[in-house]
């Protein structure tokens, strides 16, 4: 690597800090950027600068946004009576790609994990409680992961809303479409059996 000038080595070092990018991939990307036309490299640099300067959290749901309120919260076609709770912005994006939910979201920013010292005050539970009251939410859909922490968070949230006039639901989990039963873990199979439904 030392045969490269410092300017290239610096780019390789910076790119290799990205998750999933090793030194060889970083080297290829740096050389690709170097070979790119000047305007294309400038556009990449400007896009990264804009990403850091303009991206913020939506003041309503805490999704990533370029303005005070994200596109989903600003969309008048959304069902404002249904709220889906997820752990991180990426979870919301995954649900949006499925086009299965047309309501609004609330991003907790993590899950409860007493072993790691993460309690209700460390994630956006207080803000969720305030939204349920202020926005007259009819249904709260809990879409946390099926990890131990995700399940604990779902149970905690269910308990918080047990005495309120809001319907609390949990997304189903189980055998994936096209999945072979012999390769599915026991926890997933147990959940699939517990959430079975009538057919026909």
Protein backbone atom coordinates (compact mmCIF):
# COMPACT_ATOMS: atom_id res chain seq x y z
CA UNK A 1 0.00 0.00 0.00
CA UNK A 2 2.85 2.36 0.72
CA UNK A 3 3.52 2.80 -2.99
CA UNK A 4 0.41 5.05 -3.18
CA UNK A 5 0.72 8.76 -2.47
CA UNK A 6 -0.66 10.04 0.83
CA UNK A 7 -3.76 11.52 -0.81
CA UNK A 8 -4.86 8.06 -2.04
CA UNK A 9 -3.82 6.32 1.18
CA UNK A 10 -5.97 8.76 3.14
CA UNK A 11 -9.04 7.99 1.00
CA UNK A 12 -8.38 4.24 1.34
CA UNK A 13 -8.11 4.60 5.13
CA UNK A 14 -11.35 6.60 5.33
CA UNK A 15 -13.32 4.21 3.10
CA UNK A 16 -12.05 1.14 4.97
CA UNK A 17 -13.61 2.55 8.16
CA UNK A 18 -17.06 1.92 6.65
CA UNK A 19 -18.79 -1.26 7.88
CA UNK A 20 -18.23 -4.28 5.66
CA UNK A 21 -15.48 -2.58 3.65
CA UNK A 22 -12.06 -4.21 3.82
CA UNK A 23 -8.77 -2.71 2.71
CA UNK A 24 -8.89 -4.31 -0.77
CA UNK A 25 -12.41 -3.02 -1.46
CA UNK A 26 -11.45 0.40 -0.10
CA UNK A 27 -8.45 0.43 -2.46
CA UNK A 28 -10.65 -0.43 -5.45
CA UNK A 29 -13.18 2.25 -4.54
CA UNK A 30 -10.51 4.90 -4.01
CA UNK A 31 -8.96 4.13 -7.40
CA UNK A 32 -12.42 4.18 -9.00
CA UNK A 33 -13.06 7.64 -7.53
CA UNK A 34 -9.65 8.77 -8.77
CA UNK A 35 -10.44 7.57 -12.33
CA UNK A 36 -13.92 9.12 -12.29
CA UNK A 37 -14.48 12.42 -14.10
CA UNK A 38 -13.99 15.44 -11.84
CA UNK A 39 -17.71 16.38 -11.68
CA UNK A 40 -18.69 12.85 -10.63
CA UNK A 41 -16.17 12.87 -7.75
CA UNK A 42 -17.39 16.34 -6.77
CA UNK A 43 -21.00 15.12 -6.75
CA UNK A 44 -20.02 12.26 -4.43
CA UNK A 45 -18.20 14.65 -2.09
CA UNK A 46 -21.16 17.07 -2.15
CA UNK A 47 -23.63 14.24 -1.46
CA UNK A 48 -21.63 13.13 1.59
CA UNK A 49 -21.37 16.73 2.81
CA UNK A 50 -25.15 17.21 2.36
CA UNK A 51 -25.79 13.94 4.18
CA UNK A 52 -23.96 15.22 7.24
CA UNK A 53 -25.24 18.80 7.10
CA UNK A 54 -28.90 18.31 6.15
CA UNK A 55 -29.98 14.97 7.60
CA UNK A 56 -31.76 15.20 10.95
CA UNK A 57 -34.43 13.36 12.91
CA UNK A 58 -38.09 14.03 12.23
CA UNK A 59 -39.51 16.00 15.15
CA UNK A 60 -42.60 13.78 15.18
CA UNK A 61 -41.53 10.18 14.59
CA UNK A 62 -37.70 10.38 14.75
CA UNK A 63 -37.16 9.03 11.23
CA UNK A 64 -34.29 10.38 9.15
CA UNK A 65 -35.36 13.54 7.36
CA UNK A 66 -34.05 16.53 5.42
CA UNK A 67 -36.58 18.84 7.08
CA UNK A 68 -38.29 19.27 10.45
CA UNK A 69 -40.89 16.60 9.54
CA UNK A 70 -40.23 13.50 7.41
CA UNK A 71 -42.07 12.65 4.19
CA UNK A 72 -44.23 9.99 5.84
CA UNK A 73 -45.44 12.27 8.64
CA UNK A 74 -46.12 15.03 6.08
CA UNK A 75 -48.09 12.74 3.74
CA UNK A 76 -51.83 13.56 4.04
CA UNK A 77 -52.76 10.12 2.64
CA UNK A 78 -51.40 8.27 5.67
CA UNK A 79 -53.76 6.80 8.28
CA UNK A 80 -53.04 9.04 11.26
CA UNK A 81 -54.97 6.80 13.68
CA UNK A 82 -52.48 3.91 13.41
CA UNK A 83 -48.96 4.05 14.77
CA UNK A 84 -46.27 1.44 14.20
CA UNK A 85 -43.42 1.27 16.72
CA UNK A 86 -40.02 0.17 15.41
CA UNK A 87 -36.51 0.11 16.84
CA UNK A 88 -34.49 2.00 14.22
CA UNK A 89 -35.03 4.02 11.00
CA UNK A 90 -33.93 1.00 8.93
CA UNK A 91 -36.83 -1.04 10.35
CA UNK A 92 -39.27 1.61 9.18
CA UNK A 93 -37.68 1.59 5.71
CA UNK A 94 -38.07 -2.22 5.54
CA UNK A 95 -41.77 -1.97 6.41
CA UNK A 96 -42.27 0.83 3.91
CA UNK A 97 -40.72 -1.27 1.15
CA UNK A 98 -43.31 -3.97 1.86
CA UNK A 99 -46.12 -1.40 1.39
CA UNK A 100 -48.06 -3.33 4.05
CA UNK A 101 -48.60 -0.45 6.46
CA UNK A 102 -50.16 2.90 5.63
CA UNK A 103 -50.14 4.54 9.04
CA UNK A 104 -47.48 6.56 10.86
CA UNK A 105 -44.37 5.41 12.71
CA UNK A 106 -42.58 5.96 15.98
CA UNK A 107 -38.88 5.09 16.15
CA UNK A 108 -37.70 4.15 19.63
CA UNK A 109 -34.01 4.47 18.89
CA UNK A 110 -33.23 1.11 20.50
CA UNK A 111 -34.69 -1.61 22.70
CA UNK A 112 -34.82 -2.27 26.41
CA UNK A 113 -31.72 -4.10 27.57
CA UNK A 114 -31.21 -4.10 31.36
CA UNK A 115 -27.96 -6.07 30.95
CA UNK A 116 -26.57 -3.13 28.93
CA UNK A 117 -28.12 -0.51 31.19
CA UNK A 118 -30.79 0.52 28.66
CA UNK A 119 -34.09 1.28 30.34
CA UNK A 120 -37.33 3.03 29.28
CA UNK A 121 -35.77 6.47 29.82
CA UNK A 122 -32.99 5.64 27.34
CA UNK A 123 -35.34 5.02 24.40
CA UNK A 124 -38.28 7.13 23.21
CA UNK A 125 -41.02 5.59 25.37
CA UNK A 126 -42.01 8.90 27.01
CA UNK A 127 -42.43 10.49 23.57
CA UNK A 128 -44.52 7.51 22.44
CA UNK A 129 -46.85 7.87 25.43
CA UNK A 130 -47.27 11.57 24.65
CA UNK A 131 -48.08 10.85 20.99
CA UNK A 132 -50.71 8.24 21.85
CA UNK A 133 -52.59 10.81 23.90
CA UNK A 134 -52.03 13.87 21.72
CA UNK A 135 -52.72 12.24 18.35
CA UNK A 136 -55.75 10.10 19.31
CA UNK A 137 -54.14 6.87 18.12
CA UNK A 138 -56.61 3.99 17.71
CA UNK A 139 -54.11 1.16 17.07
CA UNK A 140 -50.51 0.76 18.19
CA UNK A 141 -48.64 -1.84 16.13
CA UNK A 142 -45.51 -3.09 17.88
CA UNK A 143 -42.91 -4.13 15.31
CA UNK A 144 -39.80 -4.69 17.40
CA UNK A 145 -37.48 -7.59 16.60
CA UNK A 146 -37.99 -11.09 17.94
CA UNK A 147 -34.71 -10.95 19.87
CA UNK A 148 -34.89 -11.24 23.67
CA UNK A 149 -34.56 -7.45 23.93
CA UNK A 150 -37.14 -6.84 21.19
CA UNK A 151 -39.63 -9.15 22.92
CA UNK A 152 -38.97 -7.51 26.29
CA UNK A 153 -39.59 -4.11 24.73
CA UNK A 154 -42.83 -5.33 23.13
CA UNK A 155 -44.02 -6.76 26.47
CA UNK A 156 -43.15 -3.55 28.28
CA UNK A 157 -44.99 -1.39 25.76
CA UNK A 158 -48.03 -3.70 25.86
CA UNK A 159 -48.13 -3.30 29.62
CA UNK A 160 -47.91 0.49 29.37
CA UNK A 161 -50.98 0.63 27.14
CA UNK A 162 -53.06 -2.13 28.77
CA UNK A 163 -55.33 0.34 30.56
CA UNK A 164 -55.58 2.87 27.75
CA UNK A 165 -58.23 3.04 25.06
CA UNK A 166 -55.86 2.02 22.30
CA UNK A 167 -55.71 -1.34 20.55
CA UNK A 168 -52.22 -2.84 20.87
CA UNK A 169 -51.13 -5.39 18.27
CA UNK A 170 -47.84 -7.17 17.58
CA UNK A 171 -46.63 -8.10 14.11
CA UNK A 172 -46.73 -11.84 13.50
CA UNK A 173 -43.53 -13.82 13.23
CA UNK A 174 -42.89 -17.33 12.09
CA UNK A 175 -41.76 -19.44 9.17
CA UNK A 176 -40.58 -17.30 6.25
CA UNK A 177 -42.18 -17.70 2.84
CA UNK A 178 -40.30 -20.42 0.99
CA UNK A 179 -38.67 -21.55 4.25
CA UNK A 180 -37.92 -25.21 4.92
CA UNK A 181 -39.10 -26.28 8.40
CA UNK A 182 -35.99 -28.32 9.13
CA UNK A 183 -33.85 -25.17 8.81
CA UNK A 184 -36.04 -22.91 10.97
CA UNK A 185 -34.95 -22.34 14.58
CA UNK A 186 -37.11 -23.57 17.49
CA UNK A 187 -38.06 -20.09 18.72
CA UNK A 188 -39.40 -19.15 15.28
CA UNK A 189 -41.29 -22.46 14.98
CA UNK A 190 -42.78 -21.99 18.45
CA UNK A 191 -43.93 -18.49 17.53
CA UNK A 192 -45.37 -19.75 14.24
CA UNK A 193 -47.41 -22.37 16.11
CA UNK A 194 -48.61 -19.84 18.69
CA UNK A 195 -49.76 -17.37 16.03
CA UNK A 196 -51.41 -19.90 13.71
CA UNK A 197 -54.73 -18.88 12.14
CA UNK A 198 -57.76 -20.48 10.56
CA UNK A 199 -57.68 -21.13 6.82
CA UNK A 200 -60.45 -21.79 4.35
